[in-house]
């Protein structure tokens, strides 16, 4: 038996997952069986739940990336005055910044290869490596430091390579570049939060419509039973 009936909320256009039953089916929707209507509601809820899970996971990844980037920025800010040619710790300072940024890039590449900030981070790293220690093999105490995707992000060859000298203005440029990436990540996270809130609201509407549908089907079944008794 088919149910030639749509709950009043659905007929009024209350959406499930972005579209009302009437919008999706017209007369066909009106002739859906009770089981088919319930299956449709369940499928829309499952779809919304899937979107919520994906958005939540994406936001968690963005938050981890933002936190890790802030730690790298803090390392750079420690040497905000720059590294001079007479600094006996110049090589270790440059290596500390290069290692921190390289580790961040590896982390994001592994967990979020589509991150839009990866290109900017790679360019900043290659520029830093050129003016800092320069490419070098691993030692007993330091990891290997090599350019990342050099063909796509060629280093800015400003001055001699690997002289462990970074001027204050150049250092500020690196810090500002990283802060720009952090700002972009925070903006993306804020948009994800808005999307998550919208999906939660959409889910609540779908649950309410499903509840109304179940109640309406129950009421009609009861009326049919009462009519059969007369």
N, C-alpha and C. Protein backbone atom coordinates (compact mmCIF):
# COMPACT_ATOMS: atom_id res chain seq x y z
N UNK A 1 0.85 -1.20 0.00
CA UNK A 1 0.00 0.00 0.00
C UNK A 1 0.88 1.24 0.00
N UNK A 2 0.53 2.21 -0.84
CA UNK A 2 1.23 3.49 -0.83
C UNK A 2 0.44 4.51 -0.07
N UNK A 3 1.17 5.50 0.46
CA UNK A 3 0.52 6.53 1.27
C UNK A 3 0.41 7.80 0.44
N UNK A 4 -0.82 8.17 0.06
CA UNK A 4 -1.03 9.34 -0.77
C UNK A 4 -1.07 10.57 0.12
N UNK A 5 0.10 10.87 0.77
CA UNK A 5 0.10 11.85 1.85
C UNK A 5 1.51 12.37 2.07
N UNK A 6 1.63 13.68 2.31
CA UNK A 6 2.90 14.26 2.74
C UNK A 6 2.65 15.01 4.02
N UNK A 7 3.47 14.82 5.06
CA UNK A 7 3.28 15.60 6.28
C UNK A 7 3.27 17.07 5.98
N UNK A 8 2.48 17.81 6.75
CA UNK A 8 2.30 19.23 6.47
C UNK A 8 3.62 19.98 6.45
N UNK A 9 4.57 19.62 7.32
CA UNK A 9 5.87 20.32 7.35
C UNK A 9 6.61 20.12 6.05
N UNK A 10 6.57 18.88 5.52
CA UNK A 10 7.28 18.62 4.27
C UNK A 10 6.63 19.35 3.12
N UNK A 11 5.28 19.34 3.11
CA UNK A 11 4.58 20.02 2.04
C UNK A 11 4.86 21.50 2.05
N UNK A 12 5.12 22.05 3.24
CA UNK A 12 5.43 23.47 3.35
C UNK A 12 6.84 23.78 2.90
N UNK A 13 7.62 22.73 2.64
CA UNK A 13 8.96 22.96 2.10
C UNK A 13 10.06 22.90 3.11
N UNK A 14 9.85 22.33 4.33
CA UNK A 14 10.94 22.22 5.29
C UNK A 14 11.99 21.28 4.71
N UNK A 15 13.27 21.72 4.65
CA UNK A 15 14.27 20.94 3.94
C UNK A 15 14.83 19.79 4.76
N UNK A 16 15.20 18.74 4.07
CA UNK A 16 16.03 17.69 4.65
C UNK A 16 17.31 17.67 3.84
N UNK A 17 18.41 18.12 4.44
CA UNK A 17 19.67 18.12 3.72
C UNK A 17 19.67 19.07 2.56
N UNK A 18 18.93 20.16 2.64
CA UNK A 18 19.03 21.19 1.62
C UNK A 18 17.90 21.20 0.63
N UNK A 19 16.95 20.24 0.67
CA UNK A 19 15.83 20.25 -0.27
C UNK A 19 14.64 19.58 0.38
N UNK A 20 13.45 20.07 0.08
CA UNK A 20 12.24 19.48 0.66
C UNK A 20 11.85 18.23 -0.11
N UNK A 21 11.03 17.42 0.53
CA UNK A 21 10.54 16.24 -0.17
C UNK A 21 9.75 16.65 -1.39
N UNK A 22 8.94 17.71 -1.25
CA UNK A 22 8.14 18.16 -2.39
C UNK A 22 9.04 18.61 -3.52
N UNK A 23 10.14 19.34 -3.19
CA UNK A 23 11.06 19.80 -4.23
C UNK A 23 11.69 18.63 -4.95
N UNK A 24 11.97 17.56 -4.23
CA UNK A 24 12.69 16.45 -4.82
C UNK A 24 11.79 15.50 -5.60
N UNK A 25 10.48 15.47 -5.28
CA UNK A 25 9.70 14.45 -5.94
C UNK A 25 8.40 14.88 -6.55
N UNK A 26 7.85 16.04 -6.17
CA UNK A 26 6.57 16.46 -6.71
C UNK A 26 5.50 15.42 -6.41
N UNK A 27 4.72 15.05 -7.44
CA UNK A 27 3.66 14.06 -7.27
C UNK A 27 4.24 12.70 -6.89
N UNK A 28 5.44 12.39 -7.40
CA UNK A 28 6.04 11.10 -7.07
C UNK A 28 6.29 10.99 -5.58
N UNK A 29 6.75 12.12 -4.97
CA UNK A 29 7.02 12.09 -3.53
C UNK A 29 5.73 11.84 -2.75
N UNK A 30 4.61 12.36 -3.26
CA UNK A 30 3.34 12.19 -2.57
C UNK A 30 2.89 10.75 -2.57
N UNK A 31 3.38 9.94 -3.49
CA UNK A 31 2.96 8.55 -3.60
C UNK A 31 3.98 7.57 -3.02
N UNK A 32 4.97 8.08 -2.31
CA UNK A 32 5.93 7.20 -1.68
C UNK A 32 5.25 6.40 -0.58
N UNK A 33 5.68 5.16 -0.42
CA UNK A 33 5.16 4.35 0.68
C UNK A 33 5.77 4.85 1.98
N UNK A 34 5.13 4.51 3.11
CA UNK A 34 5.71 4.92 4.40
C UNK A 34 7.14 4.45 4.57
N UNK A 35 7.44 3.21 4.17
CA UNK A 35 8.81 2.71 4.29
C UNK A 35 9.77 3.51 3.43
N UNK A 36 9.32 3.88 2.22
CA UNK A 36 10.19 4.65 1.33
C UNK A 36 10.44 6.05 1.89
N UNK A 37 9.43 6.66 2.47
CA UNK A 37 9.60 7.97 3.09
C UNK A 37 10.60 7.91 4.24
N UNK A 38 10.48 6.89 5.08
CA UNK A 38 11.39 6.74 6.20
C UNK A 38 12.81 6.46 5.72
N UNK A 39 12.94 5.67 4.67
CA UNK A 39 14.26 5.38 4.11
C UNK A 39 14.91 6.65 3.57
N UNK A 40 14.07 7.48 2.94
CA UNK A 40 14.58 8.75 2.41
C UNK A 40 15.09 9.64 3.54
N UNK A 41 14.29 9.77 4.59
CA UNK A 41 14.71 10.59 5.74
C UNK A 41 16.00 10.07 6.34
N UNK A 42 16.12 8.75 6.45
CA UNK A 42 17.33 8.16 7.03
C UNK A 42 18.54 8.44 6.15
N UNK A 43 18.35 8.35 4.83
CA UNK A 43 19.47 8.59 3.92
C UNK A 43 19.96 10.03 4.00
N UNK A 44 19.02 10.98 4.17
CA UNK A 44 19.42 12.38 4.29
C UNK A 44 20.15 12.62 5.61
N UNK A 45 19.68 12.01 6.68
CA UNK A 45 20.37 12.14 7.96
C UNK A 45 21.78 11.56 7.88
N UNK A 46 21.90 10.40 7.24
CA UNK A 46 23.22 9.79 7.08
C UNK A 46 24.16 10.70 6.28
N UNK A 47 23.61 11.34 5.25
CA UNK A 47 24.42 12.24 4.42
C UNK A 47 24.90 13.44 5.23
N UNK A 48 24.00 14.03 6.02
CA UNK A 48 24.37 15.18 6.84
C UNK A 48 25.40 14.77 7.89
N UNK A 49 25.20 13.61 8.51
CA UNK A 49 26.15 13.13 9.52
C UNK A 49 27.54 12.94 8.91
N UNK A 50 27.58 12.44 7.69
CA UNK A 50 28.86 12.26 7.01
C UNK A 50 29.56 13.59 6.78
N UNK A 51 28.78 14.60 6.35
CA UNK A 51 29.36 15.93 6.15
C UNK A 51 29.86 16.53 7.46
N UNK A 52 29.11 16.31 8.55
CA UNK A 52 29.52 16.82 9.85
C UNK A 52 30.84 16.18 10.28
N UNK A 53 30.95 14.87 10.11
CA UNK A 53 32.18 14.17 10.49
C UNK A 53 33.37 14.68 9.70
N UNK A 54 33.19 14.85 8.39
CA UNK A 54 34.30 15.33 7.55
C UNK A 54 34.72 16.73 7.95
N UNK A 55 33.75 17.61 8.15
CA UNK A 55 34.06 18.99 8.51
C UNK A 55 34.75 19.06 9.87
N UNK A 56 34.27 18.26 10.82
CA UNK A 56 34.88 18.23 12.16
C UNK A 56 36.32 17.75 12.08
N UNK A 57 36.56 16.70 11.29
CA UNK A 57 37.93 16.18 11.15
C UNK A 57 38.84 17.20 10.47
N UNK A 58 38.32 17.89 9.46
CA UNK A 58 39.10 18.91 8.78
C UNK A 58 39.48 20.04 9.73
N UNK A 59 38.55 20.39 10.60
CA UNK A 59 38.82 21.47 11.55
C UNK A 59 39.88 21.04 12.57
N UNK A 60 39.83 19.79 12.99
CA UNK A 60 40.84 19.29 13.91
C UNK A 60 42.23 19.35 13.28
N UNK A 61 42.32 18.96 12.01
CA UNK A 61 43.59 19.01 11.30
C UNK A 61 44.09 20.45 11.21
N UNK A 62 43.20 21.37 10.86
CA UNK A 62 43.57 22.79 10.75
C UNK A 62 44.07 23.33 12.09
N UNK A 63 43.41 22.93 13.18
CA UNK A 63 43.83 23.40 14.50
C UNK A 63 45.23 22.88 14.85
N UNK A 64 45.51 21.62 14.51
CA UNK A 64 46.84 21.07 14.77
C UNK A 64 47.90 21.79 13.95
N UNK A 65 47.57 22.06 12.69
CA UNK A 65 48.51 22.78 11.84
C UNK A 65 48.78 24.18 12.37
N UNK A 66 47.72 24.86 12.80
CA UNK A 66 47.87 26.21 13.31
C UNK A 66 48.72 26.23 14.58
N UNK A 67 48.50 25.26 15.46
CA UNK A 67 49.28 25.18 16.70
C UNK A 67 50.75 24.92 16.41
N UNK A 68 51.02 24.00 15.49
CA UNK A 68 52.41 23.68 15.13
C UNK A 68 53.09 24.88 14.47
N UNK A 69 52.35 25.60 13.64
CA UNK A 69 52.91 26.78 12.97
C UNK A 69 53.25 27.86 13.98
N UNK A 70 52.42 28.04 15.00
CA UNK A 70 52.71 29.04 16.02
C UNK A 70 54.02 28.72 16.74
N UNK A 71 54.31 27.46 16.95
CA UNK A 71 55.57 27.07 17.58
C UNK A 71 56.75 27.42 16.68
N UNK A 72 56.59 27.22 15.38
CA UNK A 72 57.66 27.58 14.44
C UNK A 72 57.88 29.10 14.45
N UNK A 73 56.78 29.84 14.43
CA UNK A 73 56.89 31.31 14.47
C UNK A 73 57.62 31.75 15.73
N UNK A 74 57.34 31.10 16.85
CA UNK A 74 58.01 31.45 18.10
C UNK A 74 59.52 31.22 17.99
N UNK A 75 59.91 30.15 17.30
CA UNK A 75 61.35 29.90 17.08
C UNK A 75 61.98 31.01 16.26
N UNK A 76 61.30 31.44 15.21
CA UNK A 76 61.81 32.52 14.36
C UNK A 76 61.91 33.82 15.15
N UNK A 77 60.89 34.09 15.96
CA UNK A 77 60.87 35.36 16.71
C UNK A 77 62.00 35.42 17.73
N UNK A 78 62.51 34.27 18.15
CA UNK A 78 63.65 34.26 19.07
C UNK A 78 64.86 34.94 18.43
N UNK A 79 64.95 34.85 17.10
CA UNK A 79 66.08 35.43 16.37
C UNK A 79 65.60 36.59 15.48
N UNK A 80 64.60 37.34 15.96
CA UNK A 80 64.01 38.40 15.15
C UNK A 80 65.00 39.50 14.80
N UNK A 81 66.07 39.65 15.58
CA UNK A 81 67.07 40.68 15.28
C UNK A 81 67.99 40.27 14.14
N UNK A 82 67.87 39.03 13.68
CA UNK A 82 68.70 38.56 12.59
C UNK A 82 69.92 37.81 13.09
N UNK A 83 70.68 37.30 12.16
CA UNK A 83 71.91 36.56 12.47
C UNK A 83 73.04 37.24 11.70
N UNK A 84 74.07 37.68 12.39
CA UNK A 84 75.16 38.42 11.76
C UNK A 84 76.35 37.51 11.47
N UNK A 85 77.24 38.01 10.64
CA UNK A 85 78.42 37.24 10.26
C UNK A 85 79.35 36.99 11.44
N UNK A 86 79.29 37.85 12.45
CA UNK A 86 80.16 37.67 13.60
C UNK A 86 79.54 36.84 14.71
N UNK A 87 78.36 36.29 14.47
CA UNK A 87 77.66 35.50 15.48
C UNK A 87 78.21 34.08 15.48
N UNK A 88 78.86 33.68 16.58
CA UNK A 88 79.44 32.34 16.65
C UNK A 88 78.38 31.25 16.68
N UNK A 89 77.15 31.62 17.04
CA UNK A 89 76.04 30.68 17.07
C UNK A 89 75.17 30.77 15.82
N UNK A 90 75.67 31.51 14.82
CA UNK A 90 74.86 31.73 13.63
C UNK A 90 74.41 30.46 12.95
N UNK A 91 75.31 29.50 12.79
CA UNK A 91 74.96 28.26 12.09
C UNK A 91 73.89 27.48 12.85
N UNK A 92 74.02 27.39 14.17
CA UNK A 92 73.04 26.63 14.95
C UNK A 92 71.70 27.34 14.98
N UNK A 93 71.69 28.68 14.98
CA UNK A 93 70.44 29.43 14.96
C UNK A 93 69.71 29.20 13.64
N UNK A 94 70.46 29.30 12.55
CA UNK A 94 69.84 29.07 11.23
C UNK A 94 69.31 27.65 11.13
N UNK A 95 70.11 26.69 11.60
CA UNK A 95 69.70 25.29 11.53
C UNK A 95 68.46 25.04 12.38
N UNK A 96 68.34 25.73 13.51
CA UNK A 96 67.16 25.56 14.38
C UNK A 96 65.91 26.01 13.65
N UNK A 97 65.98 27.13 12.97
CA UNK A 97 64.81 27.62 12.23
C UNK A 97 64.50 26.73 11.04
N UNK A 98 65.54 26.33 10.33
CA UNK A 98 65.34 25.47 9.15
C UNK A 98 64.74 24.13 9.55
N UNK A 99 65.24 23.54 10.63
CA UNK A 99 64.73 22.25 11.08
C UNK A 99 63.28 22.35 11.53
N UNK A 100 62.95 23.42 12.24
CA UNK A 100 61.57 23.61 12.72
C UNK A 100 60.61 23.74 11.55
N UNK A 101 60.97 24.55 10.57
CA UNK A 101 60.07 24.77 9.43
C UNK A 101 59.99 23.54 8.55
N UNK A 102 61.11 22.86 8.36
CA UNK A 102 61.11 21.63 7.57
C UNK A 102 60.22 20.57 8.21
N UNK A 103 60.30 20.45 9.55
CA UNK A 103 59.46 19.48 10.25
C UNK A 103 57.98 19.79 10.10
N UNK A 104 57.64 21.08 10.15
CA UNK A 104 56.24 21.47 9.97
C UNK A 104 55.74 21.10 8.58
N UNK A 105 56.56 21.37 7.58
CA UNK A 105 56.17 21.06 6.19
C UNK A 105 55.96 19.55 6.03
N UNK A 106 56.84 18.75 6.61
CA UNK A 106 56.69 17.30 6.54
C UNK A 106 55.41 16.85 7.24
N UNK A 107 55.11 17.46 8.39
CA UNK A 107 53.90 17.10 9.13
C UNK A 107 52.65 17.40 8.31
N UNK A 108 52.58 18.59 7.73
CA UNK A 108 51.39 18.97 6.96
C UNK A 108 51.28 18.14 5.68
N UNK A 109 52.42 17.87 5.05
CA UNK A 109 52.41 17.06 3.83
C UNK A 109 51.83 15.67 4.10
N UNK A 110 52.16 15.12 5.27
CA UNK A 110 51.68 13.78 5.62
C UNK A 110 50.20 13.77 5.99
N UNK A 111 49.76 14.77 6.73
CA UNK A 111 48.38 14.76 7.25
C UNK A 111 47.39 15.53 6.39
N UNK A 112 47.88 16.51 5.63
CA UNK A 112 46.97 17.38 4.87
C UNK A 112 47.66 17.85 3.59
N UNK A 113 47.92 16.91 2.67
CA UNK A 113 48.68 17.27 1.45
C UNK A 113 48.02 18.34 0.59
N UNK A 114 46.73 18.54 0.77
CA UNK A 114 46.03 19.56 -0.02
C UNK A 114 46.01 20.92 0.64
N UNK A 115 46.71 21.08 1.76
CA UNK A 115 46.71 22.36 2.48
C UNK A 115 47.17 23.49 1.56
N UNK A 116 46.39 24.55 1.41
CA UNK A 116 46.76 25.63 0.49
C UNK A 116 47.98 26.43 0.94
N UNK A 117 48.40 26.27 2.20
CA UNK A 117 49.55 27.03 2.69
C UNK A 117 50.87 26.32 2.45
N UNK A 118 50.83 25.09 1.97
CA UNK A 118 52.06 24.33 1.79
C UNK A 118 53.04 25.01 0.85
N UNK A 119 52.54 25.52 -0.26
CA UNK A 119 53.41 26.18 -1.22
C UNK A 119 54.15 27.37 -0.62
N UNK A 120 53.44 28.20 0.14
CA UNK A 120 54.05 29.36 0.77
C UNK A 120 55.11 28.94 1.79
N UNK A 121 54.80 27.88 2.53
CA UNK A 121 55.75 27.39 3.53
C UNK A 121 57.01 26.83 2.87
N UNK A 122 56.84 26.12 1.77
CA UNK A 122 58.00 25.58 1.05
C UNK A 122 58.87 26.70 0.49
N UNK A 123 58.23 27.74 -0.05
CA UNK A 123 59.00 28.86 -0.59
C UNK A 123 59.78 29.56 0.53
N UNK A 124 59.13 29.77 1.66
CA UNK A 124 59.80 30.41 2.79
C UNK A 124 60.97 29.57 3.26
N UNK A 125 60.77 28.25 3.32
CA UNK A 125 61.84 27.36 3.76
C UNK A 125 63.03 27.41 2.80
N UNK A 126 62.76 27.32 1.50
CA UNK A 126 63.86 27.33 0.53
C UNK A 126 64.63 28.64 0.58
N UNK A 127 63.91 29.75 0.72
CA UNK A 127 64.58 31.05 0.84
C UNK A 127 65.44 31.10 2.10
N UNK A 128 64.90 30.57 3.19
CA UNK A 128 65.64 30.55 4.45
C UNK A 128 66.88 29.68 4.34
N UNK A 129 66.73 28.50 3.75
CA UNK A 129 67.86 27.59 3.65
C UNK A 129 68.98 28.18 2.80
N UNK A 130 68.60 28.89 1.75
CA UNK A 130 69.62 29.50 0.88
C UNK A 130 70.45 30.52 1.66
N UNK A 131 69.78 31.40 2.37
CA UNK A 131 70.50 32.46 3.07
C UNK A 131 71.09 31.99 4.39
N UNK A 132 70.59 30.84 4.91
CA UNK A 132 71.07 30.32 6.19
C UNK A 132 72.24 29.37 6.03
N UNK A 133 72.01 28.10 6.37
CA UNK A 133 73.11 27.14 6.33
C UNK A 133 73.41 26.64 4.94
N UNK A 134 72.44 26.74 4.03
CA UNK A 134 72.59 26.11 2.72
C UNK A 134 72.33 24.62 2.83
N UNK A 135 72.06 23.94 1.69
CA UNK A 135 71.82 22.50 1.73
C UNK A 135 73.00 21.76 2.35
N UNK A 136 72.70 20.75 3.15
CA UNK A 136 73.78 19.98 3.78
C UNK A 136 73.31 18.60 4.11
N UNK A 137 74.26 17.67 4.14
CA UNK A 137 73.95 16.29 4.47
C UNK A 137 73.76 16.15 5.98
N UNK A 138 73.16 15.06 6.37
CA UNK A 138 72.95 14.80 7.79
C UNK A 138 74.28 14.54 8.49
N UNK A 139 74.35 14.95 9.75
CA UNK A 139 75.51 14.67 10.58
C UNK A 139 75.06 13.87 11.80
N UNK A 140 75.97 13.63 12.69
CA UNK A 140 75.62 12.87 13.89
C UNK A 140 74.65 13.63 14.77
N UNK A 141 74.63 14.95 14.65
CA UNK A 141 73.79 15.77 15.54
C UNK A 141 72.69 16.53 14.81
N UNK A 142 72.75 16.63 13.50
CA UNK A 142 71.75 17.41 12.76
C UNK A 142 71.18 16.60 11.60
N UNK A 143 69.89 16.80 11.28
CA UNK A 143 69.30 16.09 10.13
C UNK A 143 69.75 16.73 8.82
N UNK A 144 69.52 16.01 7.73
CA UNK A 144 69.84 16.56 6.41
C UNK A 144 68.91 17.74 6.12
N UNK A 145 69.46 18.77 5.51
CA UNK A 145 68.68 19.94 5.13
C UNK A 145 68.85 20.16 3.63
N UNK A 146 67.78 19.92 2.89
CA UNK A 146 67.80 20.06 1.44
C UNK A 146 66.60 20.89 1.00
N UNK A 147 66.70 21.48 -0.19
CA UNK A 147 65.57 22.23 -0.72
C UNK A 147 64.38 21.30 -0.93
N UNK A 148 63.19 21.84 -0.77
CA UNK A 148 61.96 21.08 -0.96
C UNK A 148 61.28 21.56 -2.24
N UNK A 149 61.05 20.64 -3.18
CA UNK A 149 60.40 20.98 -4.46
C UNK A 149 61.08 22.22 -5.07
N UNK A 150 62.39 22.13 -5.21
CA UNK A 150 63.16 23.30 -5.66
C UNK A 150 62.72 23.81 -7.02
N UNK A 151 62.34 22.91 -7.92
CA UNK A 151 61.93 23.34 -9.25
C UNK A 151 60.65 24.18 -9.21
N UNK A 152 59.77 23.86 -8.29
CA UNK A 152 58.51 24.61 -8.16
C UNK A 152 58.67 25.85 -7.28
N UNK A 153 59.58 25.78 -6.32
CA UNK A 153 59.79 26.89 -5.39
C UNK A 153 61.28 27.23 -5.29
N UNK A 154 61.83 27.77 -6.39
CA UNK A 154 63.27 28.08 -6.39
C UNK A 154 63.59 29.13 -5.32
N UNK A 155 64.70 28.94 -4.60
CA UNK A 155 65.05 29.90 -3.54
C UNK A 155 65.41 31.26 -4.10
N UNK A 156 65.10 32.27 -3.33
CA UNK A 156 65.49 33.63 -3.68
C UNK A 156 66.99 33.77 -3.43
N UNK A 157 67.75 33.90 -4.49
CA UNK A 157 69.22 33.91 -4.38
C UNK A 157 69.72 35.33 -4.12
N UNK A 158 69.41 35.79 -2.91
CA UNK A 158 69.82 37.14 -2.50
C UNK A 158 71.04 37.02 -1.61
N UNK A 159 72.22 37.31 -2.18
CA UNK A 159 73.46 37.18 -1.43
C UNK A 159 74.04 35.79 -1.58
N UNK A 160 75.15 35.52 -0.91
CA UNK A 160 75.80 34.21 -1.02
C UNK A 160 74.99 33.12 -0.34
N UNK A 161 75.10 31.92 -0.88
CA UNK A 161 74.36 30.78 -0.33
C UNK A 161 75.09 30.21 0.88
N UNK A 162 74.33 29.92 1.93
CA UNK A 162 74.87 29.20 3.07
C UNK A 162 75.89 29.95 3.90
N UNK A 163 75.75 31.28 4.01
CA UNK A 163 76.74 32.03 4.80
C UNK A 163 76.28 32.26 6.24
N UNK A 164 75.11 31.71 6.60
CA UNK A 164 74.58 31.85 7.97
C UNK A 164 74.41 33.31 8.40
N UNK A 165 74.10 34.16 7.43
CA UNK A 165 73.85 35.57 7.72
C UNK A 165 72.44 35.91 7.26
N UNK A 166 71.61 36.39 8.19
CA UNK A 166 70.24 36.79 7.88
C UNK A 166 70.01 38.15 8.51
N UNK A 167 69.80 39.17 7.66
CA UNK A 167 69.58 40.51 8.17
C UNK A 167 68.27 40.63 8.92
N UNK A 168 68.15 41.67 9.74
CA UNK A 168 66.94 41.87 10.53
C UNK A 168 65.71 42.04 9.64
N UNK A 169 65.85 42.81 8.55
CA UNK A 169 64.72 43.01 7.64
C UNK A 169 64.33 41.71 6.96
N UNK A 170 65.33 40.92 6.59
CA UNK A 170 65.06 39.64 5.96
C UNK A 170 64.35 38.70 6.94
N UNK A 171 64.79 38.73 8.19
CA UNK A 171 64.15 37.90 9.21
C UNK A 171 62.70 38.31 9.42
N UNK A 172 62.44 39.61 9.44
CA UNK A 172 61.07 40.09 9.58
C UNK A 172 60.22 39.63 8.41
N UNK A 173 60.82 39.57 7.23
CA UNK A 173 60.09 39.08 6.07
C UNK A 173 59.68 37.62 6.23
N UNK A 174 60.59 36.80 6.77
CA UNK A 174 60.26 35.39 7.01
C UNK A 174 59.14 35.27 8.05
N UNK A 175 59.24 36.04 9.12
CA UNK A 175 58.23 35.99 10.18
C UNK A 175 56.87 36.44 9.65
N UNK A 176 56.84 37.50 8.86
CA UNK A 176 55.58 37.98 8.31
C UNK A 176 54.96 36.96 7.35
N UNK A 177 55.81 36.27 6.60
CA UNK A 177 55.30 35.25 5.69
C UNK A 177 54.64 34.12 6.47
N UNK A 178 55.27 33.70 7.56
CA UNK A 178 54.70 32.64 8.39
C UNK A 178 53.42 33.11 9.08
N UNK A 179 53.42 34.34 9.53
CA UNK A 179 52.21 34.89 10.18
C UNK A 179 51.06 34.99 9.19
N UNK A 180 51.37 35.28 7.93
CA UNK A 180 50.33 35.30 6.90
C UNK A 180 49.73 33.92 6.71
N UNK A 181 50.58 32.89 6.72
CA UNK A 181 50.07 31.52 6.62
C UNK A 181 49.18 31.18 7.82
N UNK A 182 49.60 31.61 9.00
CA UNK A 182 48.82 31.35 10.20
C UNK A 182 47.46 32.04 10.12
N UNK A 183 47.44 33.27 9.63
CA UNK A 183 46.19 34.00 9.49
C UNK A 183 45.25 33.30 8.52
N UNK A 184 45.80 32.79 7.41
CA UNK A 184 44.98 32.07 6.43
C UNK A 184 44.41 30.79 7.04
N UNK A 185 45.23 30.08 7.82
CA UNK A 185 44.74 28.86 8.46
C UNK A 185 43.62 29.17 9.45
N UNK A 186 43.77 30.25 10.20
CA UNK A 186 42.74 30.63 11.17
C UNK A 186 41.44 31.02 10.46
N UNK A 187 41.57 31.71 9.32
CA UNK A 187 40.38 32.08 8.56
C UNK A 187 39.66 30.85 8.04
N UNK A 188 40.45 29.88 7.54
CA UNK A 188 39.85 28.63 7.07
C UNK A 188 39.16 27.87 8.17
N UNK A 189 39.76 27.87 9.36
CA UNK A 189 39.16 27.19 10.50
C UNK A 189 37.85 27.86 10.91
N UNK A 190 37.81 29.20 10.84
CA UNK A 190 36.58 29.93 11.18
C UNK A 190 35.46 29.59 10.20
N UNK A 191 35.80 29.48 8.92
CA UNK A 191 34.79 29.11 7.91
C UNK A 191 34.29 27.69 8.14
N UNK A 192 35.20 26.80 8.54
CA UNK A 192 34.80 25.43 8.84
C UNK A 192 33.84 25.40 10.02
N UNK A 193 34.07 26.26 11.02
CA UNK A 193 33.17 26.31 12.17
C UNK A 193 31.78 26.78 11.76
N UNK A 194 31.73 27.78 10.88
CA UNK A 194 30.44 28.27 10.38
C UNK A 194 29.72 27.16 9.62
N UNK A 195 30.47 26.44 8.79
CA UNK A 195 29.87 25.34 8.03
C UNK A 195 29.37 24.24 8.97
N UNK A 196 30.14 23.96 10.03
CA UNK A 196 29.74 22.93 10.98
C UNK A 196 28.45 23.33 11.70
N UNK A 197 28.36 24.60 12.10
CA UNK A 197 27.15 25.08 12.76
C UNK A 197 25.94 24.99 11.83
N UNK A 198 26.15 25.31 10.55
CA UNK A 198 25.07 25.23 9.57
C UNK A 198 24.60 23.79 9.40
N UNK A 199 25.55 22.85 9.36
CA UNK A 199 25.19 21.44 9.21
C UNK A 199 24.45 20.92 10.44
N UNK A 200 24.85 21.37 11.61
CA UNK A 200 24.16 20.95 12.83
C UNK A 200 22.72 21.45 12.84
N UNK A 201 22.53 22.69 12.38
CA UNK A 201 21.18 23.24 12.28
C UNK A 201 20.36 22.46 11.25
N UNK A 202 20.99 22.13 10.14
CA UNK A 202 20.31 21.36 9.09
C UNK A 202 19.92 19.98 9.61
N UNK A 203 20.79 19.39 10.41
CA UNK A 203 20.49 18.07 10.97
C UNK A 203 19.30 18.15 11.93
N UNK A 204 19.26 19.20 12.74
CA UNK A 204 18.16 19.37 13.68
C UNK A 204 16.83 19.48 12.94
N UNK A 205 16.84 20.24 11.83
CA UNK A 205 15.63 20.36 11.03
C UNK A 205 15.21 19.01 10.46
N UNK A 206 16.19 18.23 10.01
CA UNK A 206 15.89 16.91 9.45
C UNK A 206 15.32 15.98 10.51
N UNK A 207 15.87 16.05 11.72
CA UNK A 207 15.37 15.21 12.81
C UNK A 207 13.93 15.59 13.15
N UNK A 208 13.66 16.89 13.21
CA UNK A 208 12.30 17.34 13.53
C UNK A 208 11.31 16.89 12.46
N UNK A 209 11.71 16.99 11.19
CA UNK A 209 10.82 16.57 10.12
C UNK A 209 10.57 15.06 10.18
N UNK A 210 11.61 14.30 10.46
CA UNK A 210 11.45 12.85 10.57
C UNK A 210 10.52 12.50 11.73
N UNK A 211 10.69 13.20 12.85
CA UNK A 211 9.82 12.97 14.01
C UNK A 211 8.36 13.27 13.66
N UNK A 212 8.14 14.39 12.97
CA UNK A 212 6.78 14.74 12.55
C UNK A 212 6.21 13.70 11.60
N UNK A 213 7.07 13.18 10.72
CA UNK A 213 6.63 12.17 9.76
C UNK A 213 6.20 10.90 10.48
N UNK A 214 7.00 10.46 11.44
CA UNK A 214 6.66 9.25 12.19
C UNK A 214 5.34 9.44 12.94
N UNK A 215 5.18 10.61 13.54
CA UNK A 215 3.94 10.88 14.28
C UNK A 215 2.75 10.89 13.34
N UNK A 216 2.90 11.51 12.17
CA UNK A 216 1.79 11.58 11.20
C UNK A 216 1.42 10.19 10.69
N UNK A 217 2.44 9.37 10.43
CA UNK A 217 2.16 8.00 9.97
C UNK A 217 1.44 7.21 11.05
N UNK A 218 1.85 7.42 12.30
CA UNK A 218 1.19 6.73 13.40
C UNK A 218 -0.25 7.17 13.56
N UNK A 219 -0.49 8.47 13.42
CA UNK A 219 -1.86 8.99 13.54
C UNK A 219 -2.74 8.43 12.43
N UNK A 220 -2.18 8.38 11.20
CA UNK A 220 -3.01 7.88 10.11
C UNK A 220 -3.30 6.40 10.27
N UNK A 221 -2.31 5.65 10.73
CA UNK A 221 -2.52 4.20 10.94
C UNK A 221 -3.60 3.99 12.00
N UNK A 222 -3.59 4.83 13.03
CA UNK A 222 -4.61 4.70 14.07
C UNK A 222 -6.01 5.01 13.53
N UNK A 223 -6.11 6.03 12.66
CA UNK A 223 -7.41 6.38 12.08
C UNK A 223 -7.92 5.25 11.20
N UNK A 224 -6.99 4.63 10.45
CA UNK A 224 -7.40 3.51 9.58
C UNK A 224 -7.93 2.36 10.43
N UNK A 225 -7.23 2.11 11.53
CA UNK A 225 -7.66 1.01 12.42
C UNK A 225 -9.02 1.31 13.02
N UNK A 226 -9.26 2.57 13.39
CA UNK A 226 -10.55 2.95 13.97
C UNK A 226 -11.66 2.81 12.93
N UNK A 227 -11.37 3.17 11.67
CA UNK A 227 -12.39 3.07 10.62
C UNK A 227 -12.75 1.61 10.33
N UNK A 228 -11.71 0.74 10.40
CA UNK A 228 -11.98 -0.67 10.15
C UNK A 228 -12.87 -1.27 11.23
N UNK A 229 -12.85 -0.66 12.40
CA UNK A 229 -13.65 -1.19 13.48
C UNK A 229 -15.12 -0.83 13.40
N UNK A 230 -15.50 0.04 12.47
CA UNK A 230 -16.90 0.49 12.36
C UNK A 230 -17.60 -0.29 11.27
